[in-house]
């Protein structure tokens, strides 16, 4: 298995920053690739859901029932 920085498309051997371009690695810009499991890289972070409503918005509208 190897790690791919999706920002530049290179394999990286570091967990902190890309060893090819130096960009900081996060779950959003990193995927792993295991040729034994799948021919395509697997992203570490999927599409993000919208953030939860703020406490202020909940208190103004009252609690959900």
C-alpha atoms as a PDB file:
ATOM      1  CA  UNK A   1       0.000   0.000   0.000  1.00  0.00           C
ATOM      2  CA  UNK A   2       1.166   3.523  -0.657  1.00  0.00           C
ATOM      3  CA  UNK A   3      -0.049   7.061   0.030  1.00  0.00           C
ATOM      4  CA  UNK A   4      -0.831   9.523  -2.765  1.00  0.00           C
ATOM      5  CA  UNK A   5      -0.974  13.298  -2.407  1.00  0.00           C
ATOM      6  CA  UNK A   6      -3.958  14.086  -4.620  1.00  0.00           C
ATOM      7  CA  UNK A   7      -2.841  17.714  -4.949  1.00  0.00           C
ATOM      8  CA  UNK A   8       0.146  16.852  -7.139  1.00  0.00           C
ATOM      9  CA  UNK A   9      -0.624  13.175  -7.827  1.00  0.00           C
ATOM     10  CA  UNK A  10       2.683  11.894  -6.448  1.00  0.00           C
ATOM     11  CA  UNK A  11       3.376   9.063  -4.031  1.00  0.00           C
ATOM     12  CA  UNK A  12       4.617  10.264  -0.692  1.00  0.00           C
ATOM     13  CA  UNK A  13       6.507   8.556   2.088  1.00  0.00           C
ATOM     14  CA  UNK A  14       5.667  11.136   4.760  1.00  0.00           C
ATOM     15  CA  UNK A  15       2.488  11.512   6.809  1.00  0.00           C
ATOM     16  CA  UNK A  16       3.014  15.251   7.402  1.00  0.00           C
ATOM     17  CA  UNK A  17       3.879  16.757   4.035  1.00  0.00           C
ATOM     18  CA  UNK A  18       4.223  15.565   0.456  1.00  0.00           C
ATOM     19  CA  UNK A  19       7.749  14.389  -0.246  1.00  0.00           C
ATOM     20  CA  UNK A  20       7.355  15.523  -3.880  1.00  0.00           C
ATOM     21  CA  UNK A  21       5.928  19.066  -3.598  1.00  0.00           C
ATOM     22  CA  UNK A  22       6.108  19.826   0.147  1.00  0.00           C
ATOM     23  CA  UNK A  23       2.401  20.643   0.641  1.00  0.00           C
ATOM     24  CA  UNK A  24       0.953  19.742   4.066  1.00  0.00           C
ATOM     25  CA  UNK A  25      -1.021  16.476   3.907  1.00  0.00           C
ATOM     26  CA  UNK A  26      -4.568  16.257   5.228  1.00  0.00           C
ATOM     27  CA  UNK A  27      -7.367  13.720   4.884  1.00  0.00           C
ATOM     28  CA  UNK A  28      -8.888  15.940   2.181  1.00  0.00           C
ATOM     29  CA  UNK A  29      -5.818  15.885  -0.078  1.00  0.00           C
ATOM     30  CA  UNK A  30      -4.560  12.347   0.551  1.00  0.00           C
ATOM     31  CA  UNK A  31      -5.575   8.917  -0.709  1.00  0.00           C
ATOM     32  CA  UNK A  32      -4.183   5.432  -0.291  1.00  0.00           C
ATOM     33  CA  UNK A  33      -3.620   2.882  -2.984  1.00  0.00           C
ATOM     34  CA  UNK A  34      -3.441  -0.862  -2.607  1.00  0.00           C
ATOM     35  CA  UNK A  35      -3.149  -2.720  -5.904  1.00  0.00           C
ATOM     36  CA  UNK A  36      -4.159  -5.926  -4.094  1.00  0.00           C
ATOM     37  CA  UNK A  37      -7.535  -4.388  -3.106  1.00  0.00           C
ATOM     38  CA  UNK A  38      -8.565  -1.980  -5.866  1.00  0.00           C
ATOM     39  CA  UNK A  39      -7.109  -0.601  -9.092  1.00  0.00           C
ATOM     40  CA  UNK A  40      -8.062   2.965  -8.072  1.00  0.00           C
ATOM     41  CA  UNK A  41      -6.835   5.110  -5.161  1.00  0.00           C
ATOM     42  CA  UNK A  42      -9.214   5.373  -2.187  1.00  0.00           C
ATOM     43  CA  UNK A  43      -9.715   8.900  -0.798  1.00  0.00           C
ATOM     44  CA  UNK A  44      -9.240   9.276   2.950  1.00  0.00           C
ATOM     45  CA  UNK A  45     -12.006  11.895   3.191  1.00  0.00           C
ATOM     46  CA  UNK A  46     -15.286  11.698   1.344  1.00  0.00           C
ATOM     47  CA  UNK A  47     -17.642  14.545   0.560  1.00  0.00           C
ATOM     48  CA  UNK A  48     -18.287  16.597   3.636  1.00  0.00           C
ATOM     49  CA  UNK A  49     -21.797  17.161   4.979  1.00  0.00           C
ATOM     50  CA  UNK A  50     -22.932  20.687   5.699  1.00  0.00           C
ATOM     51  CA  UNK A  51     -21.974  21.876   9.162  1.00  0.00           C
ATOM     52  CA  UNK A  52     -24.401  21.425  12.024  1.00  0.00           C
ATOM     53  CA  UNK A  53     -26.496  24.469  12.912  1.00  0.00           C
ATOM     54  CA  UNK A  54     -24.931  26.762  15.454  1.00  0.00           C
ATOM     55  CA  UNK A  55     -26.130  26.923  19.040  1.00  0.00           C
ATOM     56  CA  UNK A  56     -27.324  30.476  18.381  1.00  0.00           C
ATOM     57  CA  UNK A  57     -29.513  29.358  15.466  1.00  0.00           C
ATOM     58  CA  UNK A  58     -31.021  26.558  17.554  1.00  0.00           C
ATOM     59  CA  UNK A  59     -31.786  28.866  20.517  1.00  0.00           C
ATOM     60  CA  UNK A  60     -33.447  31.441  18.235  1.00  0.00           C
ATOM     61  CA  UNK A  61     -35.679  28.833  16.595  1.00  0.00           C
ATOM     62  CA  UNK A  62     -36.273  26.733  19.695  1.00  0.00           C
ATOM     63  CA  UNK A  63     -35.338  23.083  20.108  1.00  0.00           C
ATOM     64  CA  UNK A  64     -36.334  20.562  17.462  1.00  0.00           C
ATOM     65  CA  UNK A  65     -39.136  18.283  18.562  1.00  0.00           C
END
